[in-house]
Protein backbone atom coordinates (compact mmCIF):
# COMPACT_ATOMS: atom_id res chain seq x y z
CA MET A 1 -167.64 -7.84 -38.58
CA ARG A 2 -165.43 -7.01 -41.52
CA SER A 3 -162.43 -8.81 -40.03
CA VAL A 4 -164.50 -11.98 -39.48
CA VAL A 5 -165.48 -12.03 -43.15
CA ALA A 6 -161.87 -11.45 -44.22
CA TYR A 7 -160.69 -14.20 -41.88
CA ARG A 8 -163.25 -16.67 -43.24
CA MET A 9 -162.38 -15.75 -46.82
CA ALA A 10 -158.65 -16.21 -46.19
CA ARG A 11 -159.30 -19.53 -44.48
CA ALA A 12 -161.46 -20.70 -47.40
CA VAL A 13 -158.78 -19.72 -49.93
CA LEU A 14 -156.03 -21.46 -47.95
CA THR A 15 -158.17 -24.58 -47.62
CA LEU A 16 -158.82 -24.57 -51.36
CA VAL A 17 -155.11 -24.17 -52.14
CA PHE A 18 -154.26 -26.99 -49.74
CA LEU A 19 -156.87 -29.32 -51.27
CA CYS A 20 -155.67 -28.51 -54.79
CA SER A 21 -152.09 -29.33 -53.79
CA LEU A 22 -153.27 -32.68 -52.39
CA ALA A 23 -154.85 -33.50 -55.74
CA GLY A 24 -151.33 -33.69 -57.17
CA CYS A 25 -150.59 -36.57 -54.79
CA ALA A 26 -153.41 -38.67 -56.18
CA GLY A 27 -151.91 -39.22 -59.65
CA THR A 28 -150.29 -42.38 -60.90
CA VAL A 29 -147.16 -42.78 -62.95
CA LYS A 30 -147.31 -44.60 -66.26
CA PRO A 31 -144.72 -47.40 -66.28
CA SER A 32 -141.82 -46.75 -68.60
CA ALA A 33 -141.08 -48.96 -71.57
CA ALA A 34 -138.83 -51.96 -71.09
CA GLU A 35 -135.13 -51.45 -71.70
CA LEU A 36 -133.97 -52.28 -75.19
CA PRO A 37 -131.41 -55.08 -75.51
CA ALA A 38 -127.83 -54.08 -76.28
CA MET A 39 -126.88 -53.84 -79.93
CA HIS A 40 -123.33 -55.08 -79.32
CA THR A 41 -121.63 -57.36 -76.85
CA VAL A 42 -118.48 -56.62 -74.88
CA ALA A 43 -116.71 -59.43 -76.72
CA GLU A 44 -116.91 -57.44 -79.96
CA PHE A 45 -114.70 -54.71 -78.48
CA ARG A 46 -112.13 -56.78 -76.55
CA ASP A 47 -109.34 -56.56 -79.13
CA LEU A 48 -109.86 -52.84 -79.90
CA ARG A 49 -107.42 -50.43 -78.28
CA PHE A 50 -109.00 -47.26 -77.02
CA ALA A 51 -107.04 -44.03 -76.98
CA TYR A 52 -105.87 -42.61 -73.67
CA VAL A 53 -107.26 -39.14 -73.17
CA PRO A 54 -105.56 -37.12 -70.42
CA ASP A 55 -107.93 -35.44 -67.99
CA PRO A 56 -106.66 -32.10 -66.64
CA TRP A 57 -109.41 -32.16 -63.98
CA GLU A 58 -108.67 -35.69 -62.74
CA GLY A 59 -107.41 -34.59 -59.31
CA PHE A 60 -110.39 -32.34 -58.69
CA ASN A 61 -112.82 -34.99 -59.97
CA ARG A 62 -111.36 -37.65 -57.68
CA SER A 63 -111.50 -35.43 -54.60
CA MET A 64 -115.05 -34.27 -55.42
CA TYR A 65 -116.13 -37.88 -55.92
CA ARG A 66 -114.61 -38.82 -52.55
CA PHE A 67 -116.35 -35.86 -50.86
CA ASN A 68 -119.72 -36.74 -52.39
CA TYR A 69 -119.29 -40.41 -51.48
CA TYR A 70 -118.69 -39.70 -47.79
CA LEU A 71 -121.36 -36.97 -47.66
CA ASP A 72 -123.84 -39.46 -49.05
CA LYS A 73 -122.68 -42.26 -46.76
CA TYR A 74 -122.63 -40.33 -43.48
CA LEU A 75 -125.30 -37.64 -43.99
CA PHE A 76 -127.88 -38.42 -46.66
CA LEU A 77 -128.30 -42.19 -46.18
CA PRO A 78 -128.96 -41.89 -42.41
CA VAL A 79 -131.49 -39.11 -43.10
CA VAL A 80 -133.22 -41.28 -45.70
CA SER A 81 -133.25 -44.26 -43.34
CA GLY A 82 -134.80 -42.11 -40.61
CA TYR A 83 -137.39 -40.73 -43.03
CA GLU A 84 -138.36 -44.23 -44.16
CA PHE A 85 -138.55 -45.43 -40.54
CA VAL A 86 -140.70 -42.53 -39.28
CA THR A 87 -142.94 -41.81 -42.28
CA PRO A 88 -145.86 -44.16 -43.09
CA VAL A 89 -145.80 -45.81 -46.51
CA VAL A 90 -149.04 -44.08 -47.55
CA LEU A 91 -147.48 -40.67 -46.91
CA GLN A 92 -144.27 -41.68 -48.71
CA THR A 93 -146.33 -42.69 -51.74
CA GLY A 94 -148.23 -39.39 -51.65
CA VAL A 95 -145.01 -37.36 -51.48
CA SER A 96 -143.51 -39.42 -54.31
CA ASN A 97 -146.61 -38.91 -56.48
CA PHE A 98 -146.58 -35.18 -55.73
CA TYR A 99 -142.99 -34.76 -56.94
CA ASN A 100 -143.57 -37.04 -59.93
CA ASN A 101 -146.49 -34.85 -60.96
CA LEU A 102 -144.35 -31.73 -60.61
CA GLY A 103 -141.79 -33.28 -62.93
CA ARG A 104 -144.31 -34.03 -65.65
CA SER A 105 -144.71 -31.51 -68.41
CA ALA A 106 -148.14 -30.07 -69.07
CA PRO A 107 -149.80 -31.28 -72.29
C-alpha cells in the first residue's frame, strides 16, 4: 500500500514538473527595435590609411577558422537540415520559445 502511494506521488510530481517546463514553451518574444542607420558612410574613410597591426596568432586563427568552417559545413548543417526535415514546425517553435525563455533574465 505504501509503495502505491509513493509511486502515485512521484508520478504526480513528475507530471507537474513536466507541465511547468511546457509552460516555458508558450511564451512569445518581443520583437527587437529596428536597426539604427549608420552614422558614417564608407566614402568618408576611403582616403584614410589605417595602421597595420601584426597578429602573432594569425596562423592559429586561420587554421581554427578553417576547422570550424568545415566542421560546420559537413557536420552541423546536415544535422540541422535533418532536424528541420523530421521535426514538425509546431515543435520547432516550442523548442525555440523554450530556449528563448531560458535566455531571458528574470525581472
